[in-house]
């Protein structure tokens, strides 16, 4: 995942308490904006979509 693929929510503005996402065809990476070199959590695309669906459903 290169630097051009990382995005954070426009709602976070300049807040320091954010995460960034990088989405590829097969995976989604998640990293902390305060420590971008501190590591990346990588989830299979299907698992991340299921996670987001559960959050949106309030579970």
PDB file of N, CA and C in Angstrom:
ATOM      1  N   UNK A   1       0.859  -1.173   0.000  1.00  0.00           N
ATOM      2  CA  UNK A   1       0.000   0.000   0.000  1.00  0.00           C
ATOM      3  C   UNK A   1       0.901   1.230   0.000  1.00  0.00           C
ATOM      4  N   UNK A   2       0.826   1.982  -1.065  1.00  0.00           N
ATOM      5  CA  UNK A   2       1.685   3.156  -1.149  1.00  0.00           C
ATOM      6  C   UNK A   2       0.996   4.376  -0.546  1.00  0.00           C
ATOM      7  N   UNK A   3       1.734   5.456  -0.451  1.00  0.00           N
ATOM      8  CA  UNK A   3       1.217   6.655   0.208  1.00  0.00           C
ATOM      9  C   UNK A   3       0.009   7.267  -0.501  1.00  0.00           C
ATOM     10  N   UNK A   4      -0.115   7.104  -1.808  1.00  0.00           N
ATOM     11  CA  UNK A   4      -1.244   7.701  -2.512  1.00  0.00           C
ATOM     12  C   UNK A   4      -2.572   7.022  -2.185  1.00  0.00           C
ATOM     13  N   UNK A   5      -2.552   5.831  -1.670  1.00  0.00           N
ATOM     14  CA  UNK A   5      -3.795   5.103  -1.439  1.00  0.00           C
ATOM     15  C   UNK A   5      -4.436   5.402  -0.088  1.00  0.00           C
ATOM     16  N   UNK A   6      -3.743   6.061   0.815  1.00  0.00           N
ATOM     17  CA  UNK A   6      -4.270   6.294   2.160  1.00  0.00           C
ATOM     18  C   UNK A   6      -5.238   7.470   2.187  1.00  0.00           C
ATOM     19  N   UNK A   7      -6.356   7.275   2.905  1.00  0.00           N
ATOM     20  CA  UNK A   7      -7.375   8.325   3.041  1.00  0.00           C
ATOM     21  C   UNK A   7      -7.879   8.359   4.474  1.00  0.00           C
ATOM     22  N   UNK A   8      -8.280   9.540   4.919  1.00  0.00           N
ATOM     23  CA  UNK A   8      -8.982   9.642   6.197  1.00  0.00           C
ATOM     24  C   UNK A   8     -10.259  10.427   5.963  1.00  0.00           C
ATOM     25  N   UNK A   9     -11.170  10.302   6.860  1.00  0.00           N
ATOM     26  CA  UNK A   9     -12.472  10.942   6.718  1.00  0.00           C
ATOM     27  C   UNK A   9     -12.333  12.458   6.630  1.00  0.00           C
ATOM     28  N   UNK A  10     -13.097  13.061   5.750  1.00  0.00           N
ATOM     29  CA  UNK A  10     -13.104  14.521   5.662  1.00  0.00           C
ATOM     30  C   UNK A  10     -13.710  15.132   6.930  1.00  0.00           C
ATOM     31  N   UNK A  11     -14.473  14.354   7.670  1.00  0.00           N
ATOM     32  CA  UNK A  11     -15.067  14.841   8.918  1.00  0.00           C
ATOM     33  C   UNK A  11     -14.037  14.981  10.031  1.00  0.00           C
ATOM     34  N   UNK A  12     -12.878  14.356   9.887  1.00  0.00           N
ATOM     35  CA  UNK A  12     -11.870  14.429  10.938  1.00  0.00           C
ATOM     36  C   UNK A  12     -11.051  15.707  10.852  1.00  0.00           C
ATOM     37  N   UNK A  13     -11.133  16.440   9.742  1.00  0.00           N
ATOM     38  CA  UNK A  13     -10.435  17.715   9.535  1.00  0.00           C
ATOM     39  C   UNK A  13      -8.979  17.586   9.962  1.00  0.00           C
ATOM     40  N   UNK A  14      -8.557  18.419  10.898  1.00  0.00           N
ATOM     41  CA  UNK A  14      -7.161  18.372  11.335  1.00  0.00           C
ATOM     42  C   UNK A  14      -6.999  17.647  12.667  1.00  0.00           C
ATOM     43  N   UNK A  15      -8.008  16.931  13.101  1.00  0.00           N
ATOM     44  CA  UNK A  15      -7.943  16.203  14.375  1.00  0.00           C
ATOM     45  C   UNK A  15      -6.824  15.169  14.345  1.00  0.00           C
ATOM     46  N   UNK A  16      -6.175  14.986  15.476  1.00  0.00           N
ATOM     47  CA  UNK A  16      -5.049  14.054  15.555  1.00  0.00           C
ATOM     48  C   UNK A  16      -5.471  12.645  15.973  1.00  0.00           C
ATOM     49  N   UNK A  17      -6.694  12.459  16.367  1.00  0.00           N
ATOM     50  CA  UNK A  17      -7.169  11.165  16.853  1.00  0.00           C
ATOM     51  C   UNK A  17      -7.891  10.410  15.741  1.00  0.00           C
ATOM     52  N   UNK A  18      -7.198  10.106  14.670  1.00  0.00           N
ATOM     53  CA  UNK A  18      -7.849   9.520  13.495  1.00  0.00           C
ATOM     54  C   UNK A  18      -7.127   8.267  13.023  1.00  0.00           C
ATOM     55  N   UNK A  19      -7.815   7.533  12.209  1.00  0.00           N
ATOM     56  CA  UNK A  19      -7.189   6.437  11.481  1.00  0.00           C
ATOM     57  C   UNK A  19      -7.337   6.725   9.993  1.00  0.00           C
ATOM     58  N   UNK A  20      -6.458   6.122   9.211  1.00  0.00           N
ATOM     59  CA  UNK A  20      -6.525   6.223   7.761  1.00  0.00           C
ATOM     60  C   UNK A  20      -6.773   4.839   7.202  1.00  0.00           C
ATOM     61  N   UNK A  21      -7.422   4.791   6.055  1.00  0.00           N
ATOM     62  CA  UNK A  21      -7.690   3.530   5.373  1.00  0.00           C
ATOM     63  C   UNK A  21      -7.038   3.543   4.003  1.00  0.00           C
ATOM     64  N   UNK A  22      -6.553   2.387   3.605  1.00  0.00           N
ATOM     65  CA  UNK A  22      -6.081   2.173   2.239  1.00  0.00           C
ATOM     66  C   UNK A  22      -6.817   0.945   1.729  1.00  0.00           C
ATOM     67  N   UNK A  23      -7.576   1.120   0.662  1.00  0.00           N
ATOM     68  CA  UNK A  23      -8.394   0.039   0.131  1.00  0.00           C
ATOM     69  C   UNK A  23      -7.820  -0.419  -1.199  1.00  0.00           C
ATOM     70  N   UNK A  24      -7.580  -1.716  -1.304  1.00  0.00           N
ATOM     71  CA  UNK A  24      -7.175  -2.312  -2.571  1.00  0.00           C
ATOM     72  C   UNK A  24      -8.277  -3.293  -2.963  1.00  0.00           C
ATOM     73  N   UNK A  25      -8.096  -3.982  -4.050  1.00  0.00           N
ATOM     74  CA  UNK A  25      -9.110  -4.936  -4.472  1.00  0.00           C
ATOM     75  C   UNK A  25      -9.280  -6.103  -3.523  1.00  0.00           C
ATOM     76  N   UNK A  26      -8.218  -6.456  -2.804  1.00  0.00           N
ATOM     77  CA  UNK A  26      -8.274  -7.656  -1.976  1.00  0.00           C
ATOM     78  C   UNK A  26      -8.133  -7.409  -0.477  1.00  0.00           C
ATOM     79  N   UNK A  27      -7.797  -6.181  -0.076  1.00  0.00           N
ATOM     80  CA  UNK A  27      -7.551  -5.928   1.343  1.00  0.00           C
ATOM     81  C   UNK A  27      -7.812  -4.470   1.695  1.00  0.00           C
ATOM     82  N   UNK A  28      -7.961  -4.231   3.009  1.00  0.00           N
ATOM     83  CA  UNK A  28      -8.075  -2.875   3.542  1.00  0.00           C
ATOM     84  C   UNK A  28      -7.044  -2.731   4.644  1.00  0.00           C
ATOM     85  N   UNK A  29      -6.233  -1.686   4.550  1.00  0.00           N
ATOM     86  CA  UNK A  29      -5.244  -1.394   5.574  1.00  0.00           C
ATOM     87  C   UNK A  29      -5.752  -0.287   6.476  1.00  0.00           C
ATOM     88  N   UNK A  30      -5.412  -0.367   7.757  1.00  0.00           N
ATOM     89  CA  UNK A  30      -5.814   0.638   8.739  1.00  0.00           C
ATOM     90  C   UNK A  30      -4.566   1.033   9.515  1.00  0.00           C
ATOM     91  N   UNK A  31      -4.341   2.351   9.637  1.00  0.00           N
ATOM     92  CA  UNK A  31      -3.196   2.824  10.423  1.00  0.00           C
ATOM     93  C   UNK A  31      -3.572   4.080  11.188  1.00  0.00           C
ATOM     94  N   UNK A  32      -2.792   4.375  12.226  1.00  0.00           N
ATOM     95  CA  UNK A  32      -3.002   5.529  13.094  1.00  0.00           C
ATOM     96  C   UNK A  32      -2.335   6.755  12.471  1.00  0.00           C
ATOM     97  N   UNK A  33      -3.053   7.869  12.368  1.00  0.00           N
ATOM     98  CA  UNK A  33      -2.461   9.067  11.769  1.00  0.00           C
ATOM     99  C   UNK A  33      -1.375   9.679  12.644  1.00  0.00           C
ATOM    100  N   UNK A  34      -1.384   9.404  13.937  1.00  0.00           N
ATOM    101  CA  UNK A  34      -0.349   9.935  14.822  1.00  0.00           C
ATOM    102  C   UNK A  34       0.966   9.188  14.676  1.00  0.00           C
ATOM    103  N   UNK A  35       0.909   7.945  14.177  1.00  0.00           N
ATOM    104  CA  UNK A  35       2.112   7.115  14.081  1.00  0.00           C
ATOM    105  C   UNK A  35       2.037   6.274  12.807  1.00  0.00           C
ATOM    106  N   UNK A  36       2.166   6.918  11.677  1.00  0.00           N
ATOM    107  CA  UNK A  36       2.011   6.232  10.392  1.00  0.00           C
ATOM    108  C   UNK A  36       3.045   5.136  10.170  1.00  0.00           C
ATOM    109  N   UNK A  37       4.203   5.264  10.801  1.00  0.00           N
ATOM    110  CA  UNK A  37       5.239   4.237  10.659  1.00  0.00           C
ATOM    111  C   UNK A  37       5.114   3.141  11.708  1.00  0.00           C
ATOM    112  N   UNK A  38       4.106   3.221  12.569  1.00  0.00           N
ATOM    113  CA  UNK A  38       3.951   2.285  13.670  1.00  0.00           C
ATOM    114  C   UNK A  38       3.330   0.955  13.304  1.00  0.00           C
ATOM    115  N   UNK A  39       3.009   0.767  12.054  1.00  0.00           N
ATOM    116  CA  UNK A  39       2.426  -0.500  11.631  1.00  0.00           C
ATOM    117  C   UNK A  39       1.054  -0.308  11.019  1.00  0.00           C
ATOM    118  N   UNK A  40       0.641  -1.315  10.306  1.00  0.00           N
ATOM    119  CA  UNK A  40      -0.636  -1.292   9.606  1.00  0.00           C
ATOM    120  C   UNK A  40      -1.380  -2.587   9.877  1.00  0.00           C
ATOM    121  N   UNK A  41      -2.642  -2.480  10.216  1.00  0.00           N
ATOM    122  CA  UNK A  41      -3.500  -3.656  10.309  1.00  0.00           C
ATOM    123  C   UNK A  41      -4.081  -3.882   8.923  1.00  0.00           C
ATOM    124  N   UNK A  42      -3.975  -5.093   8.413  1.00  0.00           N
ATOM    125  CA  UNK A  42      -4.490  -5.405   7.082  1.00  0.00           C
ATOM    126  C   UNK A  42      -5.555  -6.485   7.213  1.00  0.00           C
ATOM    127  N   UNK A  43      -6.730  -6.201   6.661  1.00  0.00           N
ATOM    128  CA  UNK A  43      -7.862  -7.117   6.719  1.00  0.00           C
ATOM    129  C   UNK A  43      -8.265  -7.527   5.308  1.00  0.00           C
ATOM    130  N   UNK A  44      -8.657  -8.782   5.127  1.00  0.00           N
ATOM    131  CA  UNK A  44      -9.205  -9.172   3.825  1.00  0.00           C
ATOM    132  C   UNK A  44     -10.414  -8.280   3.509  1.00  0.00           C
ATOM    133  N   UNK A  45     -10.582  -7.924   2.246  1.00  0.00           N
ATOM    134  CA  UNK A  45     -11.647  -6.998   1.842  1.00  0.00           C
ATOM    135  C   UNK A  45     -13.020  -7.455   2.318  1.00  0.00           C
ATOM    136  N   UNK A  46     -13.317  -8.718   2.159  1.00  0.00           N
ATOM    137  CA  UNK A  46     -14.635  -9.240   2.561  1.00  0.00           C
ATOM    138  C   UNK A  46     -14.858  -9.082   4.070  1.00  0.00           C
ATOM    139  N   UNK A  47     -13.842  -9.365   4.870  1.00  0.00           N
ATOM    140  CA  UNK A  47     -13.960  -9.249   6.324  1.00  0.00           C
ATOM    141  C   UNK A  47     -14.163  -7.795   6.737  1.00  0.00           C
ATOM    142  N   UNK A  48     -13.461  -6.872   6.094  1.00  0.00           N
ATOM    143  CA  UNK A  48     -13.611  -5.466   6.453  1.00  0.00           C
ATOM    144  C   UNK A  48     -14.992  -4.945   6.067  1.00  0.00           C
ATOM    145  N   UNK A  49     -15.491  -5.346   4.911  1.00  0.00           N
ATOM    146  CA  UNK A  49     -16.849  -4.943   4.510  1.00  0.00           C
ATOM    147  C   UNK A  49     -17.882  -5.471   5.504  1.00  0.00           C
ATOM    148  N   UNK A  50     -17.701  -6.699   5.978  1.00  0.00           N
ATOM    149  CA  UNK A  50     -18.620  -7.275   6.963  1.00  0.00           C
ATOM    150  C   UNK A  50     -18.547  -6.496   8.278  1.00  0.00           C
ATOM    151  N   UNK A  51     -17.344  -6.114   8.692  1.00  0.00           N
ATOM    152  CA  UNK A  51     -17.161  -5.322   9.906  1.00  0.00           C
ATOM    153  C   UNK A  51     -17.901  -3.985   9.793  1.00  0.00           C
ATOM    154  N   UNK A  52     -17.716  -3.289   8.686  1.00  0.00           N
ATOM    155  CA  UNK A  52     -18.380  -1.995   8.483  1.00  0.00           C
ATOM    156  C   UNK A  52     -19.901  -2.163   8.484  1.00  0.00           C
ATOM    157  N   UNK A  53     -20.395  -3.208   7.866  1.00  0.00           N
ATOM    158  CA  UNK A  53     -21.840  -3.461   7.849  1.00  0.00           C
ATOM    159  C   UNK A  53     -22.371  -3.666   9.266  1.00  0.00           C
ATOM    160  N   UNK A  54     -21.634  -4.381  10.098  1.00  0.00           N
ATOM    161  CA  UNK A  54     -22.056  -4.605  11.487  1.00  0.00           C
ATOM    162  C   UNK A  54     -22.052  -3.304  12.279  1.00  0.00           C
ATOM    163  N   UNK A  55     -21.045  -2.476  12.073  1.00  0.00           N
ATOM    164  CA  UNK A  55     -20.993  -1.179  12.763  1.00  0.00           C
ATOM    165  C   UNK A  55     -22.182  -0.320  12.351  1.00  0.00           C
ATOM    166  N   UNK A  56     -22.448  -0.264  11.055  1.00  0.00           N
ATOM    167  CA  UNK A  56     -23.589   0.527  10.570  1.00  0.00           C
ATOM    168  C   UNK A  56     -24.912   0.010  11.119  1.00  0.00           C
ATOM    169  N   UNK A  57     -24.994  -1.291  11.375  1.00  0.00           N
ATOM    170  CA  UNK A  57     -26.213  -1.891  11.919  1.00  0.00           C
ATOM    171  C   UNK A  57     -26.317  -1.700  13.434  1.00  0.00           C
ATOM    172  N   UNK A  58     -25.288  -1.103  14.042  1.00  0.00           N
ATOM    173  CA  UNK A  58     -25.327  -0.839  15.475  1.00  0.00           C
ATOM    174  C   UNK A  58     -24.927  -2.004  16.345  1.00  0.00           C
ATOM    175  N   UNK A  59     -24.213  -2.961  15.782  1.00  0.00           N
ATOM    176  CA  UNK A  59     -23.800  -4.132  16.565  1.00  0.00           C
ATOM    177  C   UNK A  59     -22.377  -4.036  17.019  1.00  0.00           C
TER     178      UNK A  59
END
